[in-house]
């Protein structure tokens, strides 16, 4: 029984970590609270649900498409709602814009899908697969940020945006 509790705790922690790491990166490097980040994750979940349940796509194909489409949504939000405010360095308006985008996306999702809870037909894999995926992603992120030219640029901007120019 104790092993089941530990395993489930590890799986839940891994799920929270999968969402928390990118959120933390956005804040650390852009100094911005992106309240719409959860809605981008929710968008990915809805894409997976629709492709898997309604169109009977294999789960891994649905996950791949969901990652691509949610990245595109994130870029669109950044271009439309955040870019000018970040250039103007108005953190208060950026915060209000972020909350506004979050509320707008929540209402769109509720209008399309309603407020009921939806589940995939097949259960999550047993074991600690979520924790294993998290460990791989964290290791990859560390390598990306500390061992690549792209990571060096990200870290430079995070430490001093003016100096990085």
Protein backbone atom coordinates (compact mmCIF):
# COMPACT_ATOMS: atom_id res chain seq x y z
CA UNK A 1 0.00 0.00 0.00
CA UNK A 2 2.77 2.45 0.87
CA UNK A 3 4.43 1.73 -2.49
CA UNK A 4 1.19 2.56 -4.31
CA UNK A 5 0.96 5.86 -2.47
CA UNK A 6 4.59 6.68 -3.25
CA UNK A 7 4.18 5.71 -6.92
CA UNK A 8 1.03 7.82 -7.32
CA UNK A 9 2.67 10.73 -5.50
CA UNK A 10 5.64 10.54 -7.84
CA UNK A 11 3.36 10.43 -10.89
CA UNK A 12 1.33 13.43 -9.68
CA UNK A 13 4.49 15.36 -8.85
CA UNK A 14 5.86 14.62 -12.30
CA UNK A 15 2.69 15.94 -13.93
CA UNK A 16 2.87 19.16 -11.93
CA UNK A 17 6.57 19.42 -12.74
CA UNK A 18 5.95 19.03 -16.46
CA UNK A 19 3.79 22.16 -16.31
CA UNK A 20 5.83 24.07 -13.73
CA UNK A 21 9.22 23.90 -15.44
CA UNK A 22 8.25 25.86 -18.58
CA UNK A 23 6.26 28.34 -16.46
CA UNK A 24 9.31 28.89 -14.29
CA UNK A 25 11.52 29.33 -17.36
CA UNK A 26 9.21 31.98 -18.80
CA UNK A 27 9.25 33.93 -15.57
CA UNK A 28 13.00 33.53 -15.01
CA UNK A 29 14.01 34.61 -18.49
CA UNK A 30 11.30 37.11 -19.40
CA UNK A 31 10.41 38.40 -15.92
CA UNK A 32 6.76 37.92 -16.79
CA UNK A 33 3.92 36.09 -15.12
CA UNK A 34 2.13 34.38 -17.99
CA UNK A 35 -1.27 33.52 -16.57
CA UNK A 36 -2.37 32.16 -19.95
CA UNK A 37 0.24 29.40 -19.79
CA UNK A 38 -2.22 27.01 -18.16
CA UNK A 39 -4.70 27.65 -20.93
CA UNK A 40 -2.09 26.74 -23.55
CA UNK A 41 -1.59 23.44 -21.70
CA UNK A 42 -5.36 23.03 -21.58
CA UNK A 43 -5.51 23.64 -25.34
CA UNK A 44 -3.02 20.80 -25.86
CA UNK A 45 -5.15 18.52 -23.68
CA UNK A 46 -8.28 19.34 -25.67
CA UNK A 47 -6.45 18.70 -28.96
CA UNK A 48 -5.30 15.31 -27.67
CA UNK A 49 -8.83 14.50 -26.50
CA UNK A 50 -10.51 15.48 -29.77
CA UNK A 51 -7.98 13.74 -32.01
CA UNK A 52 -7.93 10.57 -29.92
CA UNK A 53 -11.59 10.25 -28.95
CA UNK A 54 -13.39 11.80 -31.92
CA UNK A 55 -11.02 11.01 -34.79
CA UNK A 56 -9.49 7.82 -33.29
CA UNK A 57 -5.88 8.92 -33.78
CA UNK A 58 -3.20 6.98 -31.89
CA UNK A 59 -2.34 8.76 -28.64
CA UNK A 60 1.28 9.52 -29.57
CA UNK A 61 0.24 11.09 -32.89
CA UNK A 62 -2.32 13.19 -31.06
CA UNK A 63 0.33 14.27 -28.53
CA UNK A 64 2.71 15.30 -31.33
CA UNK A 65 0.07 17.38 -33.08
CA UNK A 66 -1.03 18.87 -29.75
CA UNK A 67 2.53 19.96 -28.97
CA UNK A 68 2.89 21.58 -32.38
CA UNK A 69 -0.48 23.37 -32.22
CA UNK A 70 0.00 24.54 -28.63
CA UNK A 71 3.43 25.95 -29.55
CA UNK A 72 1.77 27.80 -32.42
CA UNK A 73 -0.92 29.11 -30.04
CA UNK A 74 1.77 30.29 -27.63
CA UNK A 75 3.59 32.12 -30.42
CA UNK A 76 0.36 33.73 -31.59
CA UNK A 77 -0.45 34.91 -28.08
CA UNK A 78 3.06 36.34 -27.69
CA UNK A 79 2.84 38.21 -30.99
CA UNK A 80 -0.68 39.56 -30.52
CA UNK A 81 -0.97 40.17 -26.78
CA UNK A 82 2.54 40.50 -25.34
CA UNK A 83 5.15 41.68 -27.83
CA UNK A 84 4.42 45.43 -27.85
CA UNK A 85 3.94 45.51 -24.11
CA UNK A 86 7.28 43.75 -23.61
CA UNK A 87 8.99 46.22 -25.93
CA UNK A 88 7.41 49.09 -23.99
CA UNK A 89 8.55 47.41 -20.75
CA UNK A 90 5.20 48.04 -19.13
CA UNK A 91 4.99 45.11 -16.70
CA UNK A 92 1.61 46.14 -15.28
CA UNK A 93 -0.14 46.16 -18.65
CA UNK A 94 1.63 42.92 -19.54
CA UNK A 95 0.20 41.33 -16.40
CA UNK A 96 -3.31 42.60 -17.21
CA UNK A 97 -2.96 41.37 -20.79
CA UNK A 98 -1.90 37.94 -19.55
CA UNK A 99 -4.92 37.69 -17.26
CA UNK A 100 -7.18 38.87 -20.09
CA UNK A 101 -5.85 36.24 -22.50
CA UNK A 102 -6.32 33.59 -19.81
CA UNK A 103 -9.94 34.59 -19.18
CA UNK A 104 -10.70 34.78 -22.90
CA UNK A 105 -9.28 31.30 -23.57
CA UNK A 106 -11.15 29.82 -20.59
CA UNK A 107 -14.42 31.20 -21.92
CA UNK A 108 -13.71 29.94 -25.43
CA UNK A 109 -13.02 26.44 -24.09
CA UNK A 110 -16.17 26.47 -22.01
CA UNK A 111 -18.25 27.65 -24.97
CA UNK A 112 -16.88 24.85 -27.16
CA UNK A 113 -16.58 21.95 -24.70
CA UNK A 114 -18.86 22.91 -21.82
CA UNK A 115 -17.87 22.53 -18.20
CA UNK A 116 -18.01 18.75 -17.87
CA UNK A 117 -14.96 16.68 -17.07
CA UNK A 118 -13.71 14.59 -19.99
CA UNK A 119 -11.52 11.51 -19.89
CA UNK A 120 -9.61 9.50 -22.45
CA UNK A 121 -10.95 5.96 -22.94
CA UNK A 122 -7.68 4.27 -22.08
CA UNK A 123 -6.08 4.81 -18.71
CA UNK A 124 -2.69 6.32 -18.14
CA UNK A 125 0.18 3.82 -18.31
CA UNK A 126 1.05 2.20 -15.01
CA UNK A 127 4.41 2.64 -13.35
CA UNK A 128 6.39 5.82 -13.13
CA UNK A 129 6.32 6.79 -16.79
CA UNK A 130 5.39 10.42 -16.04
CA UNK A 131 8.31 10.74 -13.64
CA UNK A 132 10.64 9.13 -16.20
CA UNK A 133 9.47 11.55 -18.91
CA UNK A 134 9.98 14.47 -16.53
CA UNK A 135 13.52 13.33 -15.72
CA UNK A 136 14.36 13.09 -19.43
CA UNK A 137 12.86 16.53 -20.13
CA UNK A 138 14.69 18.17 -17.24
CA UNK A 139 17.99 16.61 -18.34
CA UNK A 140 17.38 17.78 -21.90
CA UNK A 141 16.53 21.26 -20.71
CA UNK A 142 19.71 21.49 -18.63
CA UNK A 143 21.77 20.38 -21.63
CA UNK A 144 19.94 22.85 -23.90
CA UNK A 145 20.48 25.81 -21.55
CA UNK A 146 24.05 25.07 -20.51
CA UNK A 147 25.65 23.33 -23.50
CA UNK A 148 24.26 24.98 -26.65
CA UNK A 149 24.67 28.41 -28.28
CA UNK A 150 20.91 28.91 -28.02
CA UNK A 151 21.05 28.23 -24.29
CA UNK A 152 23.94 30.67 -23.90
CA UNK A 153 21.87 33.38 -25.58
CA UNK A 154 18.85 32.63 -23.37
CA UNK A 155 20.99 32.76 -20.24
CA UNK A 156 22.65 36.00 -21.39
CA UNK A 157 19.28 37.68 -21.94
CA UNK A 158 18.09 36.41 -18.56
CA UNK A 159 21.05 37.92 -16.74
CA UNK A 160 21.06 41.28 -18.56
CA UNK A 161 18.91 42.08 -21.56
CA UNK A 162 20.79 45.31 -22.30
CA UNK A 163 24.18 43.60 -22.12
CA UNK A 164 22.96 40.73 -24.33
CA UNK A 165 22.16 43.22 -27.12
